[in-house]
Amino acid sequence: MARSADQELKRLRRRRVTRGLLLGGVALGAPAVINTLVARRAARLPRPRWGATRHVEIDGQRLAYVHLPRSGQGSTPPMVLLHTFGPGHTGLLWRETAERLARDCDCFVPDWLGWGDSERRAQRYTAELYIDLLDRFLEEVVGEPAILVAPHRAAAYAVQVTLDAPQRVAALALIAPPGLGGDVVQDRGDPLLHALLRAPLLGTSALNLVTGRRALDNHLRRETIFGAEGLGKPVVEAMYRASHLPGACHALTDSLCGRLGHQLEAGFGDELQQPSWLAWGRQATHPPLETADLWLQELPKSDLEVFDGCRNLPHVERPARFAAALTAFIERQRFAA
């Protein structure tokens, strides 16, 4: 029987991490020493700076975000740019695009809890946690209806917040969103893989394999058309640094185990009044461009923009083209001044 796209992703995820577990179990002493050295060396890597980094406390946890104030004129609503979930992923992946979008509107780029500069507690990370976090961020930080720009799993969170609190959202820009067709791994995820990754020695060894520089380089090659704008060694170094910060393993583990998926209820499009924009790389692999039809059925008034020469992260691969296309969509809308 043919595997669904999500089942194939789950199989590849388990194979990659299990390989790390096996390699980590070859000897007990050597992995412990290697893990310690990796943590120490990563802690000394420089962190790139951009925009105005700020922090806000939400439910007792510190959330970091970058604010780029509008540099030009206009009345475009503020934008909230959400990052993907993957080894070393943070709001930094938005830098090239955000600096262009900030010419016309205020941009807010948060690091999800458990990622980047935000607090990284040893707790359970779920879609529900992030949906509530996004809602609170819009209310307490942005303070007015915003345009949510959300890739992949974060796109389902953005839609859910829009359904739950439509007064907080002016428009939706969704990048290769999943969440339709019944292929989402629910909150329970993969309990066996989760238990293995939580093992103090073997789990750390496996995560260090997944977040090594070569692994991150290969990760970008799978996710993008490598060599595109906004990518290269500095990005790999930043991802390496972020993935080895103290506590960064907790959210990454839940992500690798498929615990962050959120299934949207069929027919949700009937409740959405906000304009919506869909962006896809023509060579996207998860989900592939063909699944855009499912979203167009739910949101028949949506605009679909397909980016040639892009895979899964068109906002990172082609920031100039992406920013121009999103700006054009926004200019077609009539937002209240």
C-alpha atoms as a PDB file:
ATOM      1  CA  MET A   1       0.000   0.000   0.000  1.00  0.00           C
ATOM      2  CA  ALA A   2       1.387   3.457  -0.889  1.00  0.00           C
ATOM      3  CA  ARG A   3       2.542   5.539   2.029  1.00  0.00           C
ATOM      4  CA  SER A   4       1.039   8.978   2.676  1.00  0.00           C
ATOM      5  CA  ALA A   5       3.408  11.950   2.654  1.00  0.00           C
ATOM      6  CA  ASP A   6       3.236  12.128   6.443  1.00  0.00           C
ATOM      7  CA  GLN A   7       3.904   8.413   6.880  1.00  0.00           C
ATOM      8  CA  GLU A   8       6.958   8.718   4.637  1.00  0.00           C
ATOM      9  CA  LEU A   9       8.223  11.667   6.652  1.00  0.00           C
ATOM     10  CA  LYS A  10       7.717   9.727   9.866  1.00  0.00           C
ATOM     11  CA  ARG A  11       9.632   6.745   8.450  1.00  0.00           C
ATOM     12  CA  LEU A  12      12.549   8.915   7.333  1.00  0.00           C
ATOM     13  CA  ARG A  13      12.583  10.752  10.651  1.00  0.00           C
ATOM     14  CA  ARG A  14      12.737   7.539  12.642  1.00  0.00           C
ATOM     15  CA  ARG A  15      15.437   6.053  10.404  1.00  0.00           C
ATOM     16  CA  ARG A  16      17.629   9.149  10.722  1.00  0.00           C
ATOM     17  CA  VAL A  17      17.334   9.364  14.502  1.00  0.00           C
ATOM     18  CA  THR A  18      17.619   5.602  15.014  1.00  0.00           C
ATOM     19  CA  ARG A  19      20.901   5.702  13.098  1.00  0.00           C
ATOM     20  CA  GLY A  20      22.138   8.206  15.634  1.00  0.00           C
ATOM     21  CA  LEU A  21      20.992   6.015  18.500  1.00  0.00           C
ATOM     22  CA  LEU A  22      22.828   3.029  17.084  1.00  0.00           C
ATOM     23  CA  LEU A  23      25.988   4.988  16.533  1.00  0.00           C
ATOM     24  CA  GLY A  24      25.730   6.459  20.012  1.00  0.00           C
ATOM     25  CA  GLY A  25      25.409   2.990  21.519  1.00  0.00           C
ATOM     26  CA  VAL A  26      28.622   1.603  20.035  1.00  0.00           C
ATOM     27  CA  ALA A  27      30.462   2.654  23.184  1.00  0.00           C
ATOM     28  CA  LEU A  28      29.321   4.285  26.388  1.00  0.00           C
ATOM     29  CA  GLY A  29      32.374   6.312  27.330  1.00  0.00           C
ATOM     30  CA  ALA A  30      33.188   7.924  23.997  1.00  0.00           C
ATOM     31  CA  PRO A  31      29.690   9.385  23.338  1.00  0.00           C
ATOM     32  CA  ALA A  32      29.650  10.962  26.801  1.00  0.00           C
ATOM     33  CA  VAL A  33      32.955  12.726  26.151  1.00  0.00           C
ATOM     34  CA  ILE A  34      31.895  13.773  22.655  1.00  0.00           C
ATOM     35  CA  ASN A  35      28.557  15.120  23.898  1.00  0.00           C
ATOM     36  CA  THR A  36      30.321  17.255  26.508  1.00  0.00           C
ATOM     37  CA  LEU A  37      32.771  18.642  23.960  1.00  0.00           C
ATOM     38  CA  VAL A  38      29.972  19.469  21.511  1.00  0.00           C
ATOM     39  CA  ALA A  39      28.060  21.386  24.196  1.00  0.00           C
ATOM     40  CA  ARG A  40      31.129  23.375  25.243  1.00  0.00           C
ATOM     41  CA  ARG A  41      32.236  24.267  21.731  1.00  0.00           C
ATOM     42  CA  ALA A  42      28.734  25.240  20.605  1.00  0.00           C
ATOM     43  CA  ALA A  43      28.336  27.571  23.574  1.00  0.00           C
ATOM     44  CA  ARG A  44      31.299  29.622  22.352  1.00  0.00           C
ATOM     45  CA  LEU A  45      29.952  30.199  18.840  1.00  0.00           C
ATOM     46  CA  PRO A  46      28.983  33.822  18.133  1.00  0.00           C
ATOM     47  CA  ARG A  47      25.314  34.690  17.771  1.00  0.00           C
ATOM     48  CA  PRO A  48      24.462  36.998  14.863  1.00  0.00           C
ATOM     49  CA  ARG A  49      22.483  40.132  15.740  1.00  0.00           C
ATOM     50  CA  TRP A  50      19.775  41.823  13.662  1.00  0.00           C
ATOM     51  CA  GLY A  51      16.855  44.090  14.345  1.00  0.00           C
ATOM     52  CA  ALA A  52      15.825  45.038  17.877  1.00  0.00           C
ATOM     53  CA  THR A  53      15.747  41.909  20.055  1.00  0.00           C
ATOM     54  CA  ARG A  54      13.124  42.104  22.779  1.00  0.00           C
ATOM     55  CA  HIS A  55      11.618  39.789  25.377  1.00  0.00           C
ATOM     56  CA  VAL A  56       8.167  39.385  26.853  1.00  0.00           C
ATOM     57  CA  GLU A  57       6.965  37.061  29.603  1.00  0.00           C
ATOM     58  CA  ILE A  58       3.940  34.943  28.741  1.00  0.00           C
ATOM     59  CA  ASP A  59       2.609  32.547  31.371  1.00  0.00           C
ATOM     60  CA  GLY A  60       5.878  32.813  33.257  1.00  0.00           C
ATOM     61  CA  GLN A  61       8.097  31.954  30.286  1.00  0.00           C
ATOM     62  CA  ARG A  62      10.392  34.354  28.458  1.00  0.00           C
ATOM     63  CA  LEU A  63       9.634  34.718  24.759  1.00  0.00           C
ATOM     64  CA  ALA A  64      12.214  36.406  22.511  1.00  0.00           C
ATOM     65  CA  TYR A  65      11.286  38.270  19.359  1.00  0.00           C
ATOM     66  CA  VAL A  66      12.836  40.661  16.880  1.00  0.00           C
ATOM     67  CA  HIS A  67      10.982  43.860  16.074  1.00  0.00           C
ATOM     68  CA  LEU A  68      11.672  45.660  12.817  1.00  0.00           C
ATOM     69  CA  PRO A  69       9.776  48.972  12.757  1.00  0.00           C
ATOM     70  CA  ARG A  70       8.410  50.183   9.453  1.00  0.00           C
ATOM     71  CA  SER A  71      10.962  52.277   7.598  1.00  0.00           C
ATOM     72  CA  GLY A  72       8.587  53.750   5.009  1.00  0.00           C
ATOM     73  CA  GLN A  73       5.106  55.257   4.808  1.00  0.00           C
ATOM     74  CA  GLY A  74       1.782  53.467   4.651  1.00  0.00           C
ATOM     75  CA  SER A  75      -0.984  51.933   6.729  1.00  0.00           C
ATOM     76  CA  THR A  76      -0.297  48.236   6.180  1.00  0.00           C
ATOM     77  CA  PRO A  77      -1.104  46.162   9.287  1.00  0.00           C
ATOM     78  CA  PRO A  78       1.845  44.724  11.210  1.00  0.00           C
ATOM     79  CA  MET A  79       3.203  41.323  10.220  1.00  0.00           C
ATOM     80  CA  VAL A  80       4.080  38.421  12.470  1.00  0.00           C
ATOM     81  CA  LEU A  81       6.569  36.088  10.786  1.00  0.00           C
ATOM     82  CA  LEU A  82       6.661  32.585  12.273  1.00  0.00           C
ATOM     83  CA  HIS A  83       9.542  30.179  11.828  1.00  0.00           C
ATOM     84  CA  THR A  84       9.495  26.493  10.964  1.00  0.00           C
ATOM     85  CA  PHE A  85      10.340  23.618  13.315  1.00  0.00           C
ATOM     86  CA  GLY A  86      13.574  21.812  12.584  1.00  0.00           C
ATOM     87  CA  PRO A  87      17.127  21.407  13.874  1.00  0.00           C
ATOM     88  CA  GLY A  88      18.417  24.875  14.707  1.00  0.00           C
ATOM     89  CA  HIS A  89      15.429  26.707  13.222  1.00  0.00           C
ATOM     90  CA  THR A  90      14.763  30.170  14.663  1.00  0.00           C
ATOM     91  CA  GLY A  91      13.357  33.489  13.543  1.00  0.00           C
ATOM     92  CA  LEU A  92      16.768  34.211  12.002  1.00  0.00           C
ATOM     93  CA  LEU A  93      15.637  32.301   8.901  1.00  0.00           C
ATOM     94  CA  TRP A  94      13.297  35.249   8.229  1.00  0.00           C
ATOM     95  CA  ARG A  95      16.019  37.901   8.301  1.00  0.00           C
ATOM     96  CA  GLU A  96      16.480  38.527   4.574  1.00  0.00           C
ATOM     97  CA  THR A  97      12.736  38.624   3.912  1.00  0.00           C
ATOM     98  CA  ALA A  98      11.772  40.558   7.045  1.00  0.00           C
ATOM     99  CA  GLU A  99      14.185  43.384   6.291  1.00  0.00           C
ATOM    100  CA  ARG A 100      12.451  43.842   2.935  1.00  0.00           C
ATOM    101  CA  LEU A 101       8.916  43.599   4.307  1.00  0.00           C
ATOM    102  CA  ALA A 102       9.729  46.125   7.048  1.00  0.00           C
ATOM    103  CA  ARG A 103       9.890  48.874   4.436  1.00  0.00           C
ATOM    104  CA  ASP A 104       6.078  48.892   4.409  1.00  0.00           C
ATOM    105  CA  CYS A 105       5.004  47.582   7.823  1.00  0.00           C
ATOM    106  CA  ASP A 106       6.113  46.735  11.344  1.00  0.00           C
ATOM    107  CA  CYS A 107       7.464  43.178  11.486  1.00  0.00           C
ATOM    108  CA  PHE A 108       7.541  40.937  14.538  1.00  0.00           C
ATOM    109  CA  VAL A 109       9.630  37.758  14.353  1.00  0.00           C
ATOM    110  CA  PRO A 110       9.314  35.584  17.486  1.00  0.00           C
ATOM    111  CA  ASP A 111      11.289  32.513  18.454  1.00  0.00           C
ATOM    112  CA  TRP A 112       8.843  29.843  19.577  1.00  0.00           C
ATOM    113  CA  LEU A 113       9.220  28.692  23.170  1.00  0.00           C
ATOM    114  CA  GLY A 114      11.934  26.036  23.246  1.00  0.00           C
ATOM    115  CA  TRP A 115      13.754  27.533  20.248  1.00  0.00           C
ATOM    116  CA  GLY A 116      16.407  30.181  19.713  1.00  0.00           C
ATOM    117  CA  ASP A 117      16.607  32.913  22.353  1.00  0.00           C
ATOM    118  CA  SER A 118      13.269  32.033  23.951  1.00  0.00           C
ATOM    119  CA  GLU A 119      13.088  30.054  27.169  1.00  0.00           C
ATOM    120  CA  ARG A 120      13.861  26.365  26.683  1.00  0.00           C
ATOM    121  CA  ARG A 121      12.389  24.471  29.617  1.00  0.00           C
ATOM    122  CA  ALA A 122      12.258  20.706  30.010  1.00  0.00           C
ATOM    123  CA  GLN A 123       8.523  20.409  29.376  1.00  0.00           C
ATOM    124  CA  ARG A 124       6.134  18.977  26.845  1.00  0.00           C
ATOM    125  CA  TYR A 125       5.846  21.037  23.667  1.00  0.00           C
ATOM    126  CA  THR A 126       2.588  20.668  21.764  1.00  0.00           C
ATOM    127  CA  ALA A 127       0.542  22.364  19.086  1.00  0.00           C
ATOM    128  CA  GLU A 128      -1.889  23.552  21.761  1.00  0.00           C
ATOM    129  CA  LEU A 129       0.923  25.283  23.646  1.00  0.00           C
ATOM    130  CA  TYR A 130       2.013  27.159  20.535  1.00  0.00           C
ATOM    131  CA  ILE A 131      -1.500  28.084  19.440  1.00  0.00           C
ATOM    132  CA  ASP A 132      -2.145  29.657  22.840  1.00  0.00           C
ATOM    133  CA  LEU A 133       1.280  31.324  22.741  1.00  0.00           C
ATOM    134  CA  LEU A 134       0.575  32.902  19.353  1.00  0.00           C
ATOM    135  CA  ASP A 135      -2.808  34.168  20.516  1.00  0.00           C
ATOM    136  CA  ARG A 136      -1.234  35.754  23.613  1.00  0.00           C
ATOM    137  CA  PHE A 137       1.606  37.280  21.562  1.00  0.00           C
ATOM    138  CA  LEU A 138      -0.872  38.948  19.222  1.00  0.00           C
ATOM    139  CA  GLU A 139      -2.859  40.305  22.148  1.00  0.00           C
ATOM    140  CA  GLU A 140      -0.042  41.415  24.452  1.00  0.00           C
ATOM    141  CA  VAL A 141       2.759  42.409  22.062  1.00  0.00           C
ATOM    142  CA  VAL A 142       1.289  43.338  18.672  1.00  0.00           C
ATOM    143  CA  GLY A 143      -1.898  44.827  20.068  1.00  0.00           C
ATOM    144  CA  GLU A 144      -3.760  45.227  16.754  1.00  0.00           C
ATOM    145  CA  PRO A 145      -4.941  42.989  13.908  1.00  0.00           C
ATOM    146  CA  ALA A 146      -1.875  41.526  12.207  1.00  0.00           C
ATOM    147  CA  ILE A 147      -0.966  39.654   9.051  1.00  0.00           C
ATOM    148  CA  LEU A 148       0.197  36.177  10.060  1.00  0.00           C
ATOM    149  CA  VAL A 149       2.906  34.715   7.819  1.00  0.00           C
ATOM    150  CA  ALA A 150       3.319  31.067   8.722  1.00  0.00           C
ATOM    151  CA  PRO A 151       5.099  28.114   7.096  1.00  0.00           C
ATOM    152  CA  HIS A 152       4.308  24.400   7.383  1.00  0.00           C
ATOM    153  CA  ARG A 153       3.034  23.301  10.812  1.00  0.00           C
ATOM    154  CA  ALA A 154       2.926  26.899  12.030  1.00  0.00           C
ATOM    155  CA  ALA A 155       0.394  27.609   9.262  1.00  0.00           C
ATOM    156  CA  ALA A 156      -2.165  25.361  10.956  1.00  0.00           C
ATOM    157  CA  TYR A 157      -1.545  27.253  14.215  1.00  0.00           C
ATOM    158  CA  ALA A 158      -2.124  30.578  12.455  1.00  0.00           C
ATOM    159  CA  VAL A 159      -5.407  29.346  10.984  1.00  0.00           C
ATOM    160  CA  GLN A 160      -6.576  28.035  14.367  1.00  0.00           C
ATOM    161  CA  VAL A 161      -5.821  31.347  16.085  1.00  0.00           C
ATOM    162  CA  THR A 162      -7.732  33.125  13.328  1.00  0.00           C
ATOM    163  CA  LEU A 163     -10.734  30.864  13.925  1.00  0.00           C
ATOM    164  CA  ASP A 164     -10.543  31.303  17.704  1.00  0.00           C
ATOM    165  CA  ALA A 165      -9.801  35.044  17.782  1.00  0.00           C
ATOM    166  CA  PRO A 166     -10.604  36.564  14.375  1.00  0.00           C
ATOM    167  CA  GLN A 167     -10.301  40.097  15.770  1.00  0.00           C
ATOM    168  CA  ARG A 168      -6.543  39.597  16.109  1.00  0.00           C
ATOM    169  CA  VAL A 169      -5.853  38.678  12.471  1.00  0.00           C
ATOM    170  CA  ALA A 170      -6.056  40.945   9.415  1.00  0.00           C
ATOM    171  CA  ALA A 171      -4.877  38.405   6.823  1.00  0.00           C
ATOM    172  CA  LEU A 172      -3.196  35.023   6.449  1.00  0.00           C
ATOM    173  CA  ALA A 173      -0.125  34.196   4.381  1.00  0.00           C
ATOM    174  CA  LEU A 174       0.491  30.445   4.531  1.00  0.00           C
ATOM    175  CA  ILE A 175       3.615  28.768   3.160  1.00  0.00           C
ATOM    176  CA  ALA A 176       3.197  25.137   2.052  1.00  0.00           C
ATOM    177  CA  PRO A 177       0.721  24.434   4.854  1.00  0.00           C
ATOM    178  CA  PRO A 178      -0.118  20.867   5.935  1.00  0.00           C
ATOM    179  CA  GLY A 179      -3.070  19.928   8.108  1.00  0.00           C
ATOM    180  CA  LEU A 180      -5.592  18.729   5.519  1.00  0.00           C
ATOM    181  CA  GLY A 181      -6.400  15.281   4.191  1.00  0.00           C
ATOM    182  CA  GLY A 182      -6.021  13.345   7.454  1.00  0.00           C
ATOM    183  CA  ASP A 183      -2.219  12.951   7.285  1.00  0.00           C
ATOM    184  CA  VAL A 184      -1.286  14.945  10.399  1.00  0.00           C
ATOM    185  CA  VAL A 185       0.488  13.125  13.227  1.00  0.00           C
ATOM    186  CA  GLN A 186      -1.497  14.009  16.314  1.00  0.00           C
ATOM    187  CA  ASP A 187      -0.157  15.152  19.683  1.00  0.00           C
ATOM    188  CA  ARG A 188       0.700  11.649  20.875  1.00  0.00           C
ATOM    189  CA  GLY A 189       3.401  11.444  18.192  1.00  0.00           C
ATOM    190  CA  ASP A 190       5.824   8.544  18.216  1.00  0.00           C
ATOM    191  CA  PRO A 191       6.161   7.415  21.873  1.00  0.00           C
ATOM    192  CA  LEU A 192       8.959   4.899  21.209  1.00  0.00           C
ATOM    193  CA  LEU A 193      11.115   7.427  19.408  1.00  0.00           C
ATOM    194  CA  HIS A 194      10.354   9.988  22.090  1.00  0.00           C
ATOM    195  CA  ALA A 195      11.494   7.624  24.859  1.00  0.00           C
ATOM    196  CA  LEU A 196      14.720   6.821  23.013  1.00  0.00           C
ATOM    197  CA  LEU A 197      15.526  10.478  22.417  1.00  0.00           C
ATOM    198  CA  ARG A 198      14.936  11.236  26.085  1.00  0.00           C
ATOM    199  CA  ALA A 199      17.550   8.651  27.095  1.00  0.00           C
ATOM    200  CA  PRO A 200      20.376  10.670  28.712  1.00  0.00           C
ATOM    201  CA  LEU A 201      23.304   9.244  26.728  1.00  0.00           C
ATOM    202  CA  LEU A 202      21.923   7.660  23.569  1.00  0.00           C
ATOM    203  CA  GLY A 203      19.349  10.390  23.012  1.00  0.00           C
ATOM    204  CA  THR A 204      21.929  13.154  23.326  1.00  0.00           C
ATOM    205  CA  SER A 205      24.230  11.305  20.918  1.00  0.00           C
ATOM    206  CA  ALA A 206      21.437  10.968  18.363  1.00  0.00           C
ATOM    207  CA  LEU A 207      20.478  14.640  18.637  1.00  0.00           C
ATOM    208  CA  ASN A 208      24.113  15.673  18.266  1.00  0.00           C
ATOM    209  CA  LEU A 209      24.228  13.639  15.062  1.00  0.00           C
ATOM    210  CA  VAL A 210      21.069  15.323  13.752  1.00  0.00           C
ATOM    211  CA  THR A 211      22.375  18.786  14.672  1.00  0.00           C
ATOM    212  CA  GLY A 212      25.991  18.455  13.546  1.00  0.00           C
ATOM    213  CA  ARG A 213      27.228  20.906  10.938  1.00  0.00           C
ATOM    214  CA  ARG A 214      27.246  18.298   8.170  1.00  0.00           C
ATOM    215  CA  ALA A 215      23.748  17.120   9.148  1.00  0.00           C
ATOM    216  CA  LEU A 216      22.435  20.693   9.161  1.00  0.00           C
ATOM    217  CA  ASP A 217      24.056  21.330   5.798  1.00  0.00           C
ATOM    218  CA  ASN A 218      22.338  18.210   4.425  1.00  0.00           C
ATOM    219  CA  HIS A 219      19.084  19.286   6.079  1.00  0.00           C
ATOM    220  CA  LEU A 220      19.158  22.581   4.181  1.00  0.00           C
ATOM    221  CA  ARG A 221      19.952  20.747   0.962  1.00  0.00           C
ATOM    222  CA  ARG A 222      16.836  18.599   1.449  1.00  0.00           C
ATOM    223  CA  GLU A 223      14.618  21.518   2.414  1.00  0.00           C
ATOM    224  CA  THR A 224      15.812  24.017  -0.179  1.00  0.00           C
ATOM    225  CA  ILE A 225      17.402  24.459  -3.539  1.00  0.00           C
ATOM    226  CA  PHE A 226      20.817  24.827  -1.924  1.00  0.00           C
ATOM    227  CA  GLY A 227      22.883  27.825  -2.898  1.00  0.00           C
ATOM    228  CA  ALA A 228      19.789  30.042  -2.954  1.00  0.00           C
ATOM    229  CA  GLU A 229      19.762  33.562  -1.518  1.00  0.00           C
ATOM    230  CA  GLY A 230      19.931  33.782   2.266  1.00  0.00           C
ATOM    231  CA  LEU A 231      21.639  30.413   2.707  1.00  0.00           C
ATOM    232  CA  GLY A 232      25.179  29.266   3.239  1.00  0.00           C
ATOM    233  CA  LYS A 233      27.770  28.717   5.939  1.00  0.00           C
ATOM    234  CA  PRO A 234      26.641  31.621   8.189  1.00  0.00           C
ATOM    235  CA  VAL A 235      23.137  30.153   8.321  1.00  0.00           C
ATOM    236  CA  VAL A 236      24.472  26.673   9.094  1.00  0.00           C
ATOM    237  CA  GLU A 237      26.635  28.121  11.886  1.00  0.00           C
ATOM    238  CA  ALA A 238      23.669  30.003  13.362  1.00  0.00           C
ATOM    239  CA  MET A 239      21.521  26.857  13.250  1.00  0.00           C
ATOM    240  CA  TYR A 240      24.315  24.840  14.856  1.00  0.00           C
ATOM    241  CA  ARG A 241      24.633  27.395  17.637  1.00  0.00           C
ATOM    242  CA  ALA A 242      20.878  27.522  18.255  1.00  0.00           C
ATOM    243  CA  SER A 243      20.448  23.747  18.297  1.00  0.00           C
ATOM    244  CA  HIS A 244      23.105  23.329  21.019  1.00  0.00           C
ATOM    245  CA  LEU A 245      21.924  25.997  23.437  1.00  0.00           C
ATOM    246  CA  PRO A 246      21.082  24.605  26.907  1.00  0.00           C
ATOM    247  CA  GLY A 247      17.605  23.073  26.792  1.00  0.00           C
ATOM    248  CA  ALA A 248      17.260  23.246  22.999  1.00  0.00           C
ATOM    249  CA  CYS A 249      16.915  19.459  22.858  1.00  0.00           C
ATOM    250  CA  HIS A 250      13.469  19.401  24.502  1.00  0.00           C
ATOM    251  CA  ALA A 251      11.385  21.142  21.832  1.00  0.00           C
ATOM    252  CA  LEU A 252      13.457  19.556  19.056  1.00  0.00           C
ATOM    253  CA  THR A 253      12.711  16.109  20.466  1.00  0.00           C
ATOM    254  CA  ASP A 254       8.961  16.764  20.435  1.00  0.00           C
ATOM    255  CA  SER A 255       9.253  18.101  16.898  1.00  0.00           C
ATOM    256  CA  LEU A 256      11.210  15.086  15.625  1.00  0.00           C
ATOM    257  CA  CYS A 257       8.682  12.765  17.243  1.00  0.00           C
ATOM    258  CA  GLY A 258       5.755  14.398  15.443  1.00  0.00           C
ATOM    259  CA  ARG A 259       4.123  15.932  18.511  1.00  0.00           C
ATOM    260  CA  LEU A 260       3.583  19.372  17.010  1.00  0.00           C
ATOM    261  CA  GLY A 261       1.044  18.502  14.322  1.00  0.00           C
ATOM    262  CA  HIS A 262      -2.379  20.163  14.423  1.00  0.00           C
ATOM    263  CA  GLN A 263      -5.365  18.859  12.459  1.00  0.00           C
ATOM    264  CA  LEU A 264      -7.827  21.486  11.272  1.00  0.00           C
ATOM    265  CA  GLU A 265     -11.499  20.605  11.147  1.00  0.00           C
ATOM    266  CA  ALA A 266     -12.962  20.130   7.673  1.00  0.00           C
ATOM    267  CA  GLY A 267     -15.004  23.099   6.514  1.00  0.00           C
ATOM    268  CA  PHE A 268     -13.025  25.659   8.523  1.00  0.00           C
ATOM    269  CA  GLY A 269     -12.809  27.872   5.449  1.00  0.00           C
ATOM    270  CA  ASP A 270     -16.480  28.790   5.788  1.00  0.00           C
ATOM    271  CA  GLU A 271     -15.643  30.609   9.039  1.00  0.00           C
ATOM    272  CA  LEU A 272     -12.689  32.617   7.772  1.00  0.00           C
ATOM    273  CA  GLN A 273     -13.400  36.136   6.592  1.00  0.00           C
ATOM    274  CA  GLN A 274      -9.784  37.305   6.339  1.00  0.00           C
ATOM    275  CA  PRO A 275      -8.035  37.404   2.958  1.00  0.00           C
ATOM    276  CA  SER A 276      -5.556  34.571   2.519  1.00  0.00           C
ATOM    277  CA  TRP A 277      -2.495  33.918   0.407  1.00  0.00           C
ATOM    278  CA  LEU A 278      -0.845  30.550  -0.278  1.00  0.00           C
ATOM    279  CA  ALA A 279       2.822  30.226  -1.225  1.00  0.00           C
ATOM    280  CA  TRP A 280       4.481  27.050  -2.499  1.00  0.00           C
ATOM    281  CA  GLY A 281       7.837  26.120  -3.930  1.00  0.00           C
ATOM    282  CA  ARG A 282       7.324  24.327  -7.218  1.00  0.00           C
ATOM    283  CA  GLN A 283       9.743  21.589  -6.135  1.00  0.00           C
ATOM    284  CA  ALA A 284       8.283  21.302  -2.608  1.00  0.00           C
ATOM    285  CA  THR A 285       8.448  17.830  -1.094  1.00  0.00           C
ATOM    286  CA  HIS A 286       6.463  18.074   2.151  1.00  0.00           C
ATOM    287  CA  PRO A 287       3.811  18.830   1.411  1.00  0.00           C
ATOM    288  CA  PRO A 288       4.137  18.801  -2.387  1.00  0.00           C
ATOM    289  CA  LEU A 289       2.529  21.436  -4.570  1.00  0.00           C
ATOM    290  CA  GLU A 290      -0.260  19.027  -5.545  1.00  0.00           C
ATOM    291  CA  THR A 291      -1.743  19.323  -2.045  1.00  0.00           C
ATOM    292  CA  ALA A 292      -2.398  23.018  -2.647  1.00  0.00           C
ATOM    293  CA  ASP A 293      -5.660  21.912  -4.263  1.00  0.00           C
ATOM    294  CA  LEU A 294      -6.950  20.795  -0.850  1.00  0.00           C
ATOM    295  CA  TRP A 295      -6.361  24.274   0.534  1.00  0.00           C
ATOM    296  CA  LEU A 296      -7.892  25.964  -2.488  1.00  0.00           C
ATOM    297  CA  GLN A 297     -11.008  23.857  -1.968  1.00  0.00           C
ATOM    298  CA  GLU A 298     -11.215  25.050   1.641  1.00  0.00           C
ATOM    299  CA  LEU A 299     -10.229  28.630   0.797  1.00  0.00           C
ATOM    300  CA  PRO A 300     -11.497  29.152  -2.766  1.00  0.00           C
ATOM    301  CA  LYS A 301     -10.854  32.909  -2.637  1.00  0.00           C
ATOM    302  CA  SER A 302      -7.190  32.473  -1.758  1.00  0.00           C
ATOM    303  CA  ASP A 303      -4.397  33.632  -4.017  1.00  0.00           C
ATOM    304  CA  LEU A 304      -1.822  30.939  -4.836  1.00  0.00           C
ATOM    305  CA  GLU A 305       1.744  31.961  -5.603  1.00  0.00           C
ATOM    306  CA  VAL A 306       4.125  29.277  -6.906  1.00  0.00           C
ATOM    307  CA  PHE A 307       7.860  29.970  -6.684  1.00  0.00           C
ATOM    308  CA  ASP A 308       9.977  28.345  -9.367  1.00  0.00           C
ATOM    309  CA  GLY A 309      13.406  27.173  -8.271  1.00  0.00           C
ATOM    310  CA  CYS A 310      12.242  26.708  -4.672  1.00  0.00           C
ATOM    311  CA  ARG A 311      11.578  23.690  -2.509  1.00  0.00           C
ATOM    312  CA  ASN A 312      10.121  23.883   1.011  1.00  0.00           C
ATOM    313  CA  LEU A 313      11.281  27.314   2.228  1.00  0.00           C
ATOM    314  CA  PRO A 314      10.655  29.878  -0.539  1.00  0.00           C
ATOM    315  CA  HIS A 315      10.845  32.740   1.985  1.00  0.00           C
ATOM    316  CA  VAL A 316      14.431  31.673   2.772  1.00  0.00           C
ATOM    317  CA  GLU A 317      15.444  30.522  -0.701  1.00  0.00           C
ATOM    318  CA  ARG A 318      14.241  33.587  -2.617  1.00  0.00           C
ATOM    319  CA  PRO A 319      13.640  36.367  -0.076  1.00  0.00           C
ATOM    320  CA  ALA A 320      13.438  39.217  -2.622  1.00  0.00           C
ATOM    321  CA  ARG A 321      10.878  37.435  -4.814  1.00  0.00           C
ATOM    322  CA  PHE A 322       8.926  36.242  -1.795  1.00  0.00           C
ATOM    323  CA  ALA A 323       8.750  39.696  -0.199  1.00  0.00           C
ATOM    324  CA  ALA A 324       7.708  41.285  -3.484  1.00  0.00           C
ATOM    325  CA  ALA A 325       4.928  38.736  -4.068  1.00  0.00           C
ATOM    326  CA  LEU A 326       3.607  39.016  -0.511  1.00  0.00           C
ATOM    327  CA  THR A 327       3.711  42.819  -0.679  1.00  0.00           C
ATOM    328  CA  ALA A 328       1.764  42.730  -3.940  1.00  0.00           C
ATOM    329  CA  PHE A 329      -0.909  40.544  -2.309  1.00  0.00           C
ATOM    330  CA  ILE A 330      -1.187  42.922   0.636  1.00  0.00           C
ATOM    331  CA  GLU A 331      -1.466  45.946  -1.638  1.00  0.00           C
ATOM    332  CA  ARG A 332      -4.458  44.319  -3.346  1.00  0.00           C
ATOM    333  CA  GLN A 333      -6.302  44.205  -0.045  1.00  0.00           C
ATOM    334  CA  ARG A 334      -8.167  47.140   1.461  1.00  0.00           C
ATOM    335  CA  PHE A 335      -7.208  47.394   5.093  1.00  0.00           C
ATOM    336  CA  ALA A 336      -8.677  50.071   7.294  1.00  0.00           C
ATOM    337  CA  ALA A 337      -6.208  52.861   7.998  1.00  0.00           C
END
